[in-house]
Amino acid sequence: MGVRRQSTRRASRGQRPRHADLRGRLPGDRRAGPLAASTGEAPAPAEPRAVTALLAPRHPHAPSASVVGELGPRYRIGEAARRIGVSASALRRWEREGLVGPTRSDGRYRLYSDRDLDLLGRVRRMRQERVNAPGIKRLLSTDAPAAPESPRHRQGQRLRSLREARGLSLRDAAAAAGLSVSFLSAVERGTSGTSIASLQQLTSAYGTTLAELFAHHRRPRRVVRAGQRPVIELADDMVRIEQLAESAALLEPQLFRLAPGASSEGSYHHAGEEFLYVIAGSVTIWVGQRERYRLHEGDSLTFPSTLPHRWRNHASRETCLLWINTPPTF
C-alpha cells in the first residue's frame, strides 16, 4: 500500500509515467519528448508551427538572414506585395508578362530588391492608369549600364555633382526627395532612368531647377539654333525635353516630345505659372484633385504651377508641346 501511495503522489506532481504515449511519433523521430522524463531531463517543448513559419524559411534552401544581408535588402513576394500595396498574385502576373524579373534563391523563392520595389511601384501606377503590358515595357528602366557619353550618364553625373555640391549624402538626398537610396544611386550611375516627377523632386530637394541640368560652362546664347538645343531625355527616352532659351531670366520655354504612352509618372508642383501649347498630337493633363483636360493640336492651357499636375500621352503617335514656366522654377 505504501508503494502505491508513493506512486500516486509522484503522478500528482506532474511526473510522466515510464510508459509514455508514443502515438503519432514518426519512425526515426529523435526529438526530446516524454521519454526524457525517465532520465531526469525536462521534456523539450514542441515548437509551434505558426512561429516556425514566421521566423524561419519553410524550405531548407531559402536564403538565411546572413545571406540576405550580404546581398542587400531582399524581400519575399508577400512582403514585396505588402510594401507596394498589391496582391502577390499581381506580382506573379507581372512577372509572366515580362514586366519584372526578381532574382531567385537556391530554393527558387522570388527575391525583390529595393530597386525592384521602385520598378514595381511604377508598374502599379501605370496599371492604375490602364497602360497595357507592351506600353509598360517601353516605359520601364533597363538594367544595362548607360554608355559613358549617353545623355542618361551625363544627367546622372550632373545630379551627383549637384548633390555633392550641397554636401548631401545619398541617404540624406533620397530622404529629402522621397526616393529610395538604391534608386537614386542607380540614377547617378546612369543604370536607371528617371521620370519627370522624380527629377522634379530631386531638383526641389537640391534647391535648384531643371535648367541646372541643361547648364553649360559657357556664356548663355541669345539665339539657340534648332540643332544646338540642350536636351534632357527621361523615362528611357520616352520623354525628350529641349531647352529653347539659355539667357532668359524670367521664363523657361521648353519643347516636350512625348512618345506614345509616355507620362510624368506621378504628380509634381512648384512655384510660378505654366502655359502649354499642343503643336502636334494630344495629351491629357490632370491639374489639382478634380481637373482633367484632354488637349489636341492647337489647344493651349494655363494653370498655377503650385497645383499638383501630371500628364500622359494617350495618342498612338508622338506628341509635341511648347511648355513655358515663369519664373524658371521647374
Foldseek 3Di string as FASTA:
>chain_A
DVVVVVVVVVVVVVQDDCVDDCPPPDPPDPAFDNNVSVVVDDGDDDDDPVVCVVPDPPDPQDDDPVVCVVVAHKDFLCVLCVVLVHHSVVVVVCVVLVQADADATPVRTGIAHLVRSVSVNLVVLVVVVVDDSVLSNLQFFAQDADDCPDLQQLLLCLLVVLCVVVVHDLCRLCVQLVHDSVVNVCSNRSRTFAFLSSVLSNCVSSVHAPVSSQDDPDDWDAAADPVRWRWHAGSNNQWIKTWGGRPDQWKTKIKIKGFAFDKRSFWDAWAFKKKKAWQAAWKWKDWADDDIDIDHHGDMDIDGRRTIMMMTRNDNGMTMMTMMTTGRID
